[in-house]
Amino acid sequence: IEKFLSQPFFVAQQFTGLEGRYVKLEDTIRSFQELVDGKHDDLPENAFYMKGSIDEVLETANA
């Protein structure tokens, strides 16, 4: 969850160099529910870093 909280916020763009992204509330709730339920415990922690939604995490982890 700590790595997932590093989402690419617009206000952090000047510090991270990464473009901010808007994530719908529904996607955020679904993503956190899946994390709390342990659905993605098999993924490496770095896959969660600076991602907007769990779908982005899965794309990165499966690439």
N, C-alpha and C. Protein backbone atom coordinates (compact mmCIF):
# COMPACT_ATOMS: atom_id res chain seq x y z
N ILE A 1 0.84 -1.18 0.00
CA ILE A 1 0.00 0.00 0.00
C ILE A 1 0.88 1.25 0.00
N GLU A 2 1.99 1.20 0.71
CA GLU A 2 2.88 2.37 0.76
C GLU A 2 3.36 2.75 -0.64
N LYS A 3 3.79 1.80 -1.43
CA LYS A 3 4.26 2.10 -2.79
C LYS A 3 3.11 2.61 -3.66
N PHE A 4 1.92 2.04 -3.46
CA PHE A 4 0.77 2.44 -4.26
C PHE A 4 0.35 3.87 -3.94
N LEU A 5 0.62 4.34 -2.73
CA LEU A 5 0.29 5.71 -2.35
C LEU A 5 1.18 6.74 -3.04
N SER A 6 2.15 6.29 -3.80
CA SER A 6 3.04 7.19 -4.54
C SER A 6 2.45 7.56 -5.89
N GLN A 7 1.15 7.56 -6.01
CA GLN A 7 0.48 7.86 -7.27
C GLN A 7 1.00 9.16 -7.87
N PRO A 8 1.02 9.25 -9.20
CA PRO A 8 1.54 10.44 -9.87
C PRO A 8 0.57 11.62 -9.80
N PHE A 9 0.65 12.38 -8.73
CA PHE A 9 -0.21 13.54 -8.53
C PHE A 9 0.27 14.71 -9.38
N PHE A 10 -0.67 15.53 -9.82
CA PHE A 10 -0.32 16.71 -10.62
C PHE A 10 0.59 17.65 -9.85
N VAL A 11 0.34 17.84 -8.55
CA VAL A 11 1.15 18.78 -7.76
C VAL A 11 2.57 18.29 -7.54
N ALA A 12 2.82 17.02 -7.74
CA ALA A 12 4.16 16.46 -7.53
C ALA A 12 4.97 16.40 -8.82
N GLN A 13 4.36 16.77 -9.92
CA GLN A 13 5.02 16.64 -11.22
C GLN A 13 6.37 17.35 -11.27
N GLN A 14 6.47 18.53 -10.67
CA GLN A 14 7.74 19.27 -10.70
C GLN A 14 8.83 18.56 -9.92
N PHE A 15 8.46 17.71 -8.98
CA PHE A 15 9.45 16.99 -8.18
C PHE A 15 9.79 15.62 -8.74
N THR A 16 8.80 14.97 -9.35
CA THR A 16 8.99 13.60 -9.83
C THR A 16 9.39 13.54 -11.30
N GLY A 17 9.03 14.59 -12.05
CA GLY A 17 9.28 14.56 -13.48
C GLY A 17 8.27 13.71 -14.24
N LEU A 18 7.28 13.16 -13.53
CA LEU A 18 6.25 12.33 -14.15
C LEU A 18 4.96 13.12 -14.27
N GLU A 19 4.29 12.98 -15.40
CA GLU A 19 3.04 13.69 -15.62
C GLU A 19 1.97 13.17 -14.66
N GLY A 20 1.24 14.09 -14.05
CA GLY A 20 0.17 13.71 -13.15
C GLY A 20 -0.98 13.05 -13.89
N ARG A 21 -1.71 12.20 -13.19
CA ARG A 21 -2.84 11.50 -13.79
C ARG A 21 -4.06 11.59 -12.91
N TYR A 22 -5.21 11.68 -13.53
CA TYR A 22 -6.48 11.67 -12.82
C TYR A 22 -6.96 10.22 -12.73
N VAL A 23 -7.35 9.80 -11.53
CA VAL A 23 -7.88 8.46 -11.32
C VAL A 23 -9.28 8.61 -10.73
N LYS A 24 -10.24 7.97 -11.35
CA LYS A 24 -11.62 8.05 -10.87
C LYS A 24 -11.72 7.46 -9.46
N LEU A 25 -12.61 8.02 -8.68
CA LEU A 25 -12.83 7.55 -7.31
C LEU A 25 -13.15 6.07 -7.28
N GLU A 26 -13.98 5.61 -8.20
CA GLU A 26 -14.35 4.20 -8.25
C GLU A 26 -13.13 3.30 -8.47
N ASP A 27 -12.21 3.75 -9.34
CA ASP A 27 -11.00 2.98 -9.60
C ASP A 27 -10.09 2.95 -8.38
N THR A 28 -10.01 4.07 -7.67
CA THR A 28 -9.19 4.13 -6.46
C THR A 28 -9.74 3.19 -5.40
N ILE A 29 -11.04 3.22 -5.19
CA ILE A 29 -11.66 2.34 -4.19
C ILE A 29 -11.47 0.88 -4.55
N ARG A 30 -11.69 0.55 -5.83
CA ARG A 30 -11.52 -0.84 -6.28
C ARG A 30 -10.06 -1.29 -6.10
N SER A 31 -9.14 -0.42 -6.47
CA SER A 31 -7.72 -0.75 -6.35
C SER A 31 -7.33 -1.03 -4.91
N PHE A 32 -7.74 -0.16 -4.00
CA PHE A 32 -7.40 -0.36 -2.59
C PHE A 32 -8.08 -1.58 -2.01
N GLN A 33 -9.31 -1.85 -2.43
CA GLN A 33 -10.00 -3.04 -1.94
C GLN A 33 -9.25 -4.30 -2.36
N GLU A 34 -8.79 -4.33 -3.60
CA GLU A 34 -8.02 -5.48 -4.07
C GLU A 34 -6.71 -5.61 -3.30
N LEU A 35 -6.07 -4.50 -2.98
CA LEU A 35 -4.83 -4.55 -2.20
C LEU A 35 -5.08 -5.07 -0.79
N VAL A 36 -6.11 -4.56 -0.14
CA VAL A 36 -6.44 -4.98 1.22
C VAL A 36 -6.84 -6.45 1.26
N ASP A 37 -7.50 -6.90 0.21
CA ASP A 37 -7.92 -8.30 0.13
C ASP A 37 -6.77 -9.24 -0.19
N GLY A 38 -5.61 -8.69 -0.52
CA GLY A 38 -4.44 -9.52 -0.81
C GLY A 38 -4.43 -10.10 -2.21
N LYS A 39 -5.25 -9.56 -3.09
CA LYS A 39 -5.38 -10.11 -4.44
C LYS A 39 -4.09 -10.01 -5.24
N HIS A 40 -3.23 -9.07 -4.90
CA HIS A 40 -2.02 -8.84 -5.69
C HIS A 40 -0.75 -9.02 -4.85
N ASP A 41 -0.83 -9.82 -3.83
CA ASP A 41 0.32 -10.05 -2.95
C ASP A 41 1.49 -10.70 -3.68
N ASP A 42 1.23 -11.31 -4.81
CA ASP A 42 2.29 -11.99 -5.55
C ASP A 42 3.12 -11.05 -6.42
N LEU A 43 2.68 -9.81 -6.56
CA LEU A 43 3.40 -8.86 -7.40
C LEU A 43 4.54 -8.19 -6.63
N PRO A 44 5.63 -7.86 -7.32
CA PRO A 44 6.74 -7.18 -6.64
C PRO A 44 6.33 -5.76 -6.22
N GLU A 45 6.88 -5.31 -5.11
CA GLU A 45 6.53 -3.98 -4.58
C GLU A 45 6.76 -2.87 -5.59
N ASN A 46 7.83 -2.96 -6.36
CA ASN A 46 8.15 -1.89 -7.31
C ASN A 46 7.11 -1.73 -8.40
N ALA A 47 6.30 -2.75 -8.64
CA ALA A 47 5.25 -2.66 -9.65
C ALA A 47 4.18 -1.65 -9.25
N PHE A 48 4.09 -1.32 -7.97
CA PHE A 48 3.07 -0.41 -7.47
C PHE A 48 3.52 1.05 -7.44
N TYR A 49 4.80 1.30 -7.68
CA TYR A 49 5.36 2.64 -7.52
C TYR A 49 4.94 3.57 -8.65
N MET A 50 4.36 4.71 -8.29
CA MET A 50 3.96 5.78 -9.22
C MET A 50 2.98 5.31 -10.29
N LYS A 51 2.01 4.54 -9.86
CA LYS A 51 0.94 4.09 -10.76
C LYS A 51 -0.36 4.75 -10.35
N GLY A 52 -1.25 4.96 -11.31
CA GLY A 52 -2.51 5.61 -11.03
C GLY A 52 -3.59 4.66 -10.56
N SER A 53 -3.61 3.46 -11.11
CA SER A 53 -4.65 2.50 -10.74
C SER A 53 -4.04 1.10 -10.71
N ILE A 54 -4.79 0.17 -10.19
CA ILE A 54 -4.32 -1.21 -10.13
C ILE A 54 -4.14 -1.77 -11.53
N ASP A 55 -4.91 -1.26 -12.49
CA ASP A 55 -4.76 -1.72 -13.87
C ASP A 55 -3.38 -1.37 -14.42
N GLU A 56 -2.87 -0.19 -14.09
CA GLU A 56 -1.52 0.19 -14.49
C GLU A 56 -0.48 -0.70 -13.83
N VAL A 57 -0.72 -1.03 -12.57
CA VAL A 57 0.19 -1.92 -11.85
C VAL A 57 0.27 -3.26 -12.56
N LEU A 58 -0.87 -3.80 -12.92
CA LEU A 58 -0.92 -5.10 -13.59
C LEU A 58 -0.26 -5.06 -14.96
N GLU A 59 -0.44 -3.96 -15.70
CA GLU A 59 0.21 -3.82 -16.99
C GLU A 59 1.72 -3.84 -16.84
N THR A 60 2.23 -3.13 -15.86
CA THR A 60 3.67 -3.07 -15.61
C THR A 60 4.21 -4.42 -15.17
N ALA A 61 3.50 -5.06 -14.26
CA ALA A 61 3.97 -6.34 -13.72
C ALA A 61 3.95 -7.44 -14.76
N ASN A 62 3.04 -7.36 -15.71
CA ASN A 62 2.91 -8.41 -16.73
C ASN A 62 3.68 -8.09 -18.00
N ALA A 63 4.37 -6.95 -18.03
CA ALA A 63 5.12 -6.56 -19.24
C ALA A 63 6.44 -7.29 -19.33
